[in-house]
Amino acid sequence: MFEKTKARWKKLMTTDNIIDASVDVLILVFDVLSSPILIAMRIFRFLFNKFIVDHIKSFIKYIVHKFDKNGNRNKQ
């Protein structure tokens, strides 16, 4: 029973098959390890850009309106 399995295993374990299997495993491991990092970086970039667009833009508008209101009062 084990003799047939050993013979079949030796027939399948060629250099080409080993290289193909190891490349497939490495690609799979790389995809699994890199994907969560990329997802986290995309979320961080989205939140950072949202912060910049919302908060800093509104702060700059506040400062501009503050100076604009003060400038109009001095001219009147």
N, C-alpha and C. Protein backbone atom coordinates (compact mmCIF):
# COMPACT_ATOMS: atom_id res chain seq x y z
N MET A 1 0.83 -1.19 0.00
CA MET A 1 0.00 0.00 0.00
C MET A 1 0.87 1.25 0.00
N PHE A 2 1.87 1.28 0.88
CA PHE A 2 2.73 2.45 0.93
C PHE A 2 3.73 2.47 -0.22
N GLU A 3 3.98 1.32 -0.83
CA GLU A 3 4.92 1.26 -1.94
C GLU A 3 4.39 2.04 -3.14
N LYS A 4 3.10 1.92 -3.40
CA LYS A 4 2.50 2.67 -4.52
C LYS A 4 2.53 4.18 -4.24
N THR A 5 2.27 4.52 -3.00
CA THR A 5 2.27 5.94 -2.63
C THR A 5 3.68 6.52 -2.74
N LYS A 6 4.69 5.77 -2.30
CA LYS A 6 6.06 6.23 -2.41
C LYS A 6 6.47 6.39 -3.86
N ALA A 7 6.10 5.44 -4.68
CA ALA A 7 6.46 5.50 -6.10
C ALA A 7 5.77 6.69 -6.77
N ARG A 8 4.54 6.90 -6.45
CA ARG A 8 3.81 8.03 -7.03
C ARG A 8 4.40 9.35 -6.53
N TRP A 9 4.76 9.41 -5.26
CA TRP A 9 5.34 10.63 -4.68
C TRP A 9 6.68 10.95 -5.35
N LYS A 10 7.50 9.94 -5.57
CA LYS A 10 8.79 10.16 -6.23
C LYS A 10 8.60 10.62 -7.67
N LYS A 11 7.58 10.10 -8.32
CA LYS A 11 7.30 10.49 -9.71
C LYS A 11 6.84 11.95 -9.77
N LEU A 12 6.07 12.40 -8.77
CA LEU A 12 5.57 13.77 -8.76
C LEU A 12 6.61 14.78 -8.30
N MET A 13 7.56 14.34 -7.49
CA MET A 13 8.55 15.26 -6.92
C MET A 13 9.72 15.47 -7.87
N THR A 14 9.47 16.18 -8.96
CA THR A 14 10.55 16.54 -9.87
C THR A 14 10.99 17.96 -9.53
N THR A 15 12.11 18.37 -10.09
CA THR A 15 12.64 19.70 -9.82
C THR A 15 11.66 20.79 -10.28
N ASP A 16 11.08 20.60 -11.44
CA ASP A 16 10.12 21.59 -11.94
C ASP A 16 8.90 21.72 -11.03
N ASN A 17 8.39 20.60 -10.58
CA ASN A 17 7.22 20.63 -9.69
C ASN A 17 7.55 21.28 -8.35
N ILE A 18 8.75 20.99 -7.84
CA ILE A 18 9.15 21.58 -6.56
C ILE A 18 9.30 23.09 -6.70
N ILE A 19 9.93 23.54 -7.78
CA ILE A 19 10.10 24.98 -8.00
C ILE A 19 8.74 25.65 -8.19
N ASP A 20 7.87 25.06 -8.98
CA ASP A 20 6.54 25.62 -9.19
C ASP A 20 5.75 25.72 -7.88
N ALA A 21 5.81 24.68 -7.09
CA ALA A 21 5.08 24.67 -5.83
C ALA A 21 5.65 25.71 -4.86
N SER A 22 6.99 25.82 -4.80
CA SER A 22 7.57 26.80 -3.88
C SER A 22 7.28 28.22 -4.32
N VAL A 23 7.29 28.50 -5.62
CA VAL A 23 6.94 29.83 -6.11
C VAL A 23 5.49 30.14 -5.79
N ASP A 24 4.61 29.19 -6.00
CA ASP A 24 3.20 29.40 -5.68
C ASP A 24 2.99 29.69 -4.20
N VAL A 25 3.69 28.96 -3.36
CA VAL A 25 3.57 29.17 -1.91
C VAL A 25 4.10 30.55 -1.53
N LEU A 26 5.24 30.94 -2.09
CA LEU A 26 5.81 32.25 -1.78
C LEU A 26 4.92 33.39 -2.25
N ILE A 27 4.33 33.25 -3.43
CA ILE A 27 3.40 34.28 -3.91
C ILE A 27 2.19 34.36 -3.00
N LEU A 28 1.67 33.23 -2.60
CA LEU A 28 0.52 33.22 -1.70
C LEU A 28 0.85 33.85 -0.35
N VAL A 29 2.01 33.51 0.20
CA VAL A 29 2.42 34.09 1.48
C VAL A 29 2.63 35.59 1.34
N PHE A 30 3.26 36.03 0.26
CA PHE A 30 3.49 37.46 0.04
C PHE A 30 2.16 38.20 -0.08
N ASP A 31 1.20 37.65 -0.81
CA ASP A 31 -0.11 38.29 -0.95
C ASP A 31 -0.83 38.38 0.39
N VAL A 32 -0.77 37.34 1.16
CA VAL A 32 -1.45 37.34 2.45
C VAL A 32 -0.80 38.32 3.41
N LEU A 33 0.52 38.39 3.41
CA LEU A 33 1.21 39.29 4.33
C LEU A 33 1.14 40.75 3.89
N SER A 34 1.15 41.01 2.61
CA SER A 34 1.17 42.39 2.14
C SER A 34 -0.23 42.99 2.06
N SER A 35 -1.22 42.20 1.86
CA SER A 35 -2.57 42.73 1.68
C SER A 35 -3.09 43.47 2.92
N PRO A 36 -2.99 42.93 4.13
CA PRO A 36 -3.47 43.70 5.29
C PRO A 36 -2.71 45.00 5.49
N ILE A 37 -1.44 45.01 5.15
CA ILE A 37 -0.66 46.23 5.28
C ILE A 37 -1.18 47.28 4.30
N LEU A 38 -1.45 46.85 3.09
CA LEU A 38 -1.96 47.79 2.10
C LEU A 38 -3.34 48.31 2.47
N ILE A 39 -4.16 47.44 3.02
CA ILE A 39 -5.49 47.87 3.45
C ILE A 39 -5.36 48.89 4.57
N ALA A 40 -4.49 48.62 5.53
CA ALA A 40 -4.30 49.55 6.64
C ALA A 40 -3.74 50.88 6.14
N MET A 41 -2.81 50.84 5.20
CA MET A 41 -2.25 52.08 4.66
C MET A 41 -3.29 52.87 3.89
N ARG A 42 -4.16 52.21 3.16
CA ARG A 42 -5.22 52.92 2.44
C ARG A 42 -6.20 53.58 3.39
N ILE A 43 -6.54 52.89 4.46
CA ILE A 43 -7.45 53.47 5.45
C ILE A 43 -6.78 54.67 6.12
N PHE A 44 -5.50 54.52 6.49
CA PHE A 44 -4.76 55.63 7.11
C PHE A 44 -4.69 56.82 6.17
N ARG A 45 -4.38 56.58 4.91
CA ARG A 45 -4.28 57.67 3.94
C ARG A 45 -5.62 58.35 3.75
N PHE A 46 -6.71 57.58 3.69
CA PHE A 46 -8.05 58.15 3.54
C PHE A 46 -8.39 59.03 4.74
N LEU A 47 -8.15 58.52 5.94
CA LEU A 47 -8.47 59.30 7.14
C LEU A 47 -7.59 60.54 7.26
N PHE A 48 -6.33 60.42 6.91
CA PHE A 48 -5.42 61.55 6.96
C PHE A 48 -5.84 62.62 5.96
N ASN A 49 -6.18 62.21 4.74
CA ASN A 49 -6.64 63.17 3.74
C ASN A 49 -7.96 63.81 4.16
N LYS A 50 -8.84 63.02 4.76
CA LYS A 50 -10.12 63.57 5.22
C LYS A 50 -9.86 64.60 6.32
N PHE A 51 -8.93 64.32 7.21
CA PHE A 51 -8.59 65.27 8.27
C PHE A 51 -8.06 66.56 7.67
N ILE A 52 -7.15 66.43 6.71
CA ILE A 52 -6.58 67.63 6.09
C ILE A 52 -7.65 68.43 5.38
N VAL A 53 -8.45 67.78 4.60
CA VAL A 53 -9.46 68.48 3.82
C VAL A 53 -10.49 69.14 4.73
N ASP A 54 -10.97 68.43 5.71
CA ASP A 54 -12.04 68.96 6.56
C ASP A 54 -11.53 69.97 7.58
N HIS A 55 -10.56 69.61 8.36
CA HIS A 55 -10.16 70.44 9.50
C HIS A 55 -9.24 71.60 9.12
N ILE A 56 -8.24 71.32 8.35
CA ILE A 56 -7.30 72.38 8.03
C ILE A 56 -7.92 73.38 7.07
N LYS A 57 -8.71 72.92 6.12
CA LYS A 57 -9.40 73.82 5.22
C LYS A 57 -10.36 74.72 5.98
N SER A 58 -11.12 74.13 6.89
CA SER A 58 -12.06 74.94 7.67
C SER A 58 -11.32 75.92 8.58
N PHE A 59 -10.16 75.53 9.11
CA PHE A 59 -9.37 76.43 9.94
C PHE A 59 -8.85 77.60 9.11
N ILE A 60 -8.37 77.33 7.92
CA ILE A 60 -7.89 78.41 7.05
C ILE A 60 -9.03 79.34 6.67
N LYS A 61 -10.20 78.79 6.37
CA LYS A 61 -11.36 79.64 6.05
C LYS A 61 -11.74 80.49 7.26
N TYR A 62 -11.67 79.92 8.45
CA TYR A 62 -11.99 80.67 9.66
C TYR A 62 -11.04 81.86 9.83
N ILE A 63 -9.76 81.60 9.63
CA ILE A 63 -8.76 82.66 9.77
C ILE A 63 -8.99 83.74 8.71
N VAL A 64 -9.26 83.36 7.48
CA VAL A 64 -9.49 84.33 6.40
C VAL A 64 -10.73 85.16 6.71
N HIS A 65 -11.80 84.53 7.15
CA HIS A 65 -13.03 85.27 7.49
C HIS A 65 -12.81 86.17 8.70
N LYS A 66 -12.01 85.72 9.64
CA LYS A 66 -11.71 86.52 10.83
C LYS A 66 -10.98 87.80 10.43
N PHE A 67 -9.96 87.68 9.60
CA PHE A 67 -9.24 88.86 9.13
C PHE A 67 -10.11 89.72 8.23
N ASP A 68 -10.94 89.09 7.43
CA ASP A 68 -11.81 89.84 6.53
C ASP A 68 -12.82 90.66 7.33
N LYS A 69 -13.41 90.10 8.37
CA LYS A 69 -14.36 90.82 9.21
C LYS A 69 -13.67 91.97 9.94
N ASN A 70 -12.47 91.74 10.46
CA ASN A 70 -11.72 92.80 11.13
C ASN A 70 -11.33 93.89 10.15
N GLY A 71 -10.98 93.55 8.95
CA GLY A 71 -10.61 94.54 7.95
C GLY A 71 -11.79 95.40 7.57
N ASN A 72 -12.97 94.81 7.46
CA ASN A 72 -14.17 95.56 7.09
C ASN A 72 -14.59 96.52 8.19
N ARG A 73 -14.40 96.15 9.44
CA ARG A 73 -14.77 97.02 10.56
C ARG A 73 -13.87 98.26 10.62
N ASN A 74 -12.60 98.08 10.32
CA ASN A 74 -11.67 99.22 10.37
C ASN A 74 -11.95 100.22 9.26
N LYS A 75 -12.45 99.75 8.12
CA LYS A 75 -12.71 100.64 6.99
C LYS A 75 -13.99 101.43 7.20
N GLN A 76 -14.93 100.96 7.98
CA GLN A 76 -16.21 101.63 8.14
C GLN A 76 -16.11 102.76 9.04
